[in-house]
Amino acid sequence: MAKSSASIKGHHRFGQIYHPRETHLSKSTEQQNLESKEIALSRGPRTSQNVTREAEKSLYWILQSLGSFVHDFGFDERKFKMLAKFLKNEIAESGVWVEDIISFNPKLLAQLRFAQHMYSMIENATEFLQFYTNSTMDRRLVRNIIQLNVRLLGLHDFSGIPDPSIEGYADTLSIFASLLEYWGEMFNRLKKVPLSVRLMFETQFIDANNVIQLLESRLPWDEEPRVLP
């Protein structure tokens, strides 16, 4: 994963989770969104800078929290389930601030889109892993690639852009590419794989391969991934 040191300005990287803001827990998403919008609009353009700062803080917390679920061996399903509903509400509220209140801001909009994408990826992966258990080799390989697709999120910055400045980016990418190739070869040797399992594996494999190719395309010309033995 990326380095944990980060500030609200500049490059954002994933780190440890922060404590949820308790003042939001008792309200529905719709109520939070409506109140946030009404307050910001009633204060007029003089508070636009404060609104922008508040949106930055909110998205920073959301992305840090989502990133905290991802680790070297997959992601923490249990921790995600505990905070999933709260994070979903926070993303929805941030969407109101970014899309409906603040004048067009490409940076914040990119961060919002990546937060939405990241949440969706982890949520879907959590649901898939409940179905694809370790009971058979074919399902085990599906699980591996589902987790790999989540792990690949950690090689992006907070705007969803591949970030080669992350420590170990090239070597991590090389390991991921090698694992994907190895799992693909193993899966192709299996016999009598159910069609539903095969389709899921192929879909996840294609997704992972496409992301790896994109990540590789961002490597500096003088830093190719280390070839593993």
Foldseek 3Di string as FASTA:
>chain_A
DFDADDDLDDWAAAHAADDDDVVPPVDDLVVLQVVVQVVLVVVPPVCLVVLVVVLSVLLSNLRNHLSNQADDQFGPLVVCVVCLVVSVSSLSNSCSSQPPRHDPDLQSVLLSVLSVVLSVLSVVLSVLDVVLDPPDPLSVLLNRLSRLLNNLQNQATSSSAGDPVGPCLQQSLLVSVVSLVVSVVVNVPDPPDDPVSVVSSVVSSVSNVVSSVRNQVPDPPVDHRDHDD
